[in-house]
Protein backbone atom coordinates (compact mmCIF):
# COMPACT_ATOMS: atom_id res chain seq x y z
CA MET A 1 0.00 0.00 0.00
CA ASN A 2 1.29 3.47 -0.79
CA ARG A 3 1.84 6.00 1.97
CA ILE A 4 0.47 9.12 0.29
CA LYS A 5 -2.67 9.38 2.45
CA GLU A 6 -0.67 8.67 5.61
CA LEU A 7 1.90 11.35 4.74
CA ARG A 8 -0.80 13.86 3.76
CA GLU A 9 -2.76 13.35 6.97
CA ALA A 10 0.41 13.52 9.10
CA ARG A 11 0.99 17.00 7.67
CA GLY A 12 -2.61 18.07 8.31
CA LEU A 13 -3.34 18.55 4.61
CA SER A 14 -6.65 17.96 2.88
CA GLN A 15 -6.68 16.31 -0.53
CA GLU A 16 -7.57 19.71 -1.94
CA HIS A 17 -4.60 21.45 -0.32
CA LEU A 18 -2.15 18.75 -1.40
CA ALA A 19 -3.53 18.90 -4.94
CA TYR A 20 -3.03 22.68 -4.96
CA LYS A 21 0.54 22.43 -3.63
CA ALA A 22 1.41 19.71 -6.15
CA GLY A 23 -0.32 21.44 -9.08
CA VAL A 24 -2.58 18.49 -9.83
CA ALA A 25 -6.31 17.81 -9.72
CA VAL A 26 -8.00 16.65 -6.50
CA LYS A 27 -9.17 13.62 -8.49
CA THR A 28 -5.51 12.77 -9.10
CA ILE A 29 -4.73 12.81 -5.37
CA SER A 30 -7.76 10.63 -4.68
CA ARG A 31 -6.65 8.13 -7.33
CA LEU A 32 -3.08 8.14 -6.05
CA GLU A 33 -4.22 7.40 -2.51
CA ARG A 34 -6.23 4.43 -3.76
CA SER A 35 -3.82 2.94 -6.27
CA GLY A 36 -0.50 4.80 -6.15
CA ARG A 37 -0.42 4.78 -9.94
CA ALA A 38 0.60 7.88 -11.81
CA ASN A 39 3.31 9.07 -14.12
CA SER A 40 6.68 9.89 -12.61
CA GLU A 41 6.19 13.64 -13.04
CA THR A 42 2.99 13.58 -10.97
CA LEU A 43 4.55 11.39 -8.29
CA ARG A 44 7.54 13.71 -8.11
CA ALA A 45 5.27 16.77 -7.72
CA VAL A 46 3.35 15.10 -4.90
CA ALA A 47 6.57 14.08 -3.16
CA VAL A 48 7.88 17.66 -3.36
CA ALA A 49 4.57 19.02 -2.06
CA LEU A 50 4.78 16.62 0.89
CA GLY A 51 8.47 17.39 1.47
CA VAL A 52 9.60 13.79 1.02
CA GLY A 53 11.61 11.76 -1.45
CA LEU A 54 9.87 9.86 -4.22
CA GLY A 55 10.63 6.51 -2.60
CA ASP A 56 9.01 7.67 0.64
CA LEU A 57 5.60 7.61 -1.05
CA PHE A 58 5.65 3.82 -1.08
CA GLU A 59 6.35 0.95 1.27
CA PRO A 60 9.88 -0.42 0.65
CA ASP A 61 8.64 -3.45 -1.29
CA GLU A 62 6.42 -1.34 -3.56
CA VAL A 63 8.78 1.27 -5.00
CA PRO A 64 7.93 1.51 -8.72
CA ALA A 65 10.65 0.37 -11.10
């Protein structure tokens, strides 16, 4: 399971605020929290918005290749 929701909630961010900070649609954040699937550019933007590295968005055994 990806950690995006966990990281977002730990920072007190709503999906809307994270989407704004990352420059993506709220629907994109919702989809990411469910599946973790997105292009690398979107994942990078979300990681930057959360202040973490790209690999931190996922559990160690789930880091996308």
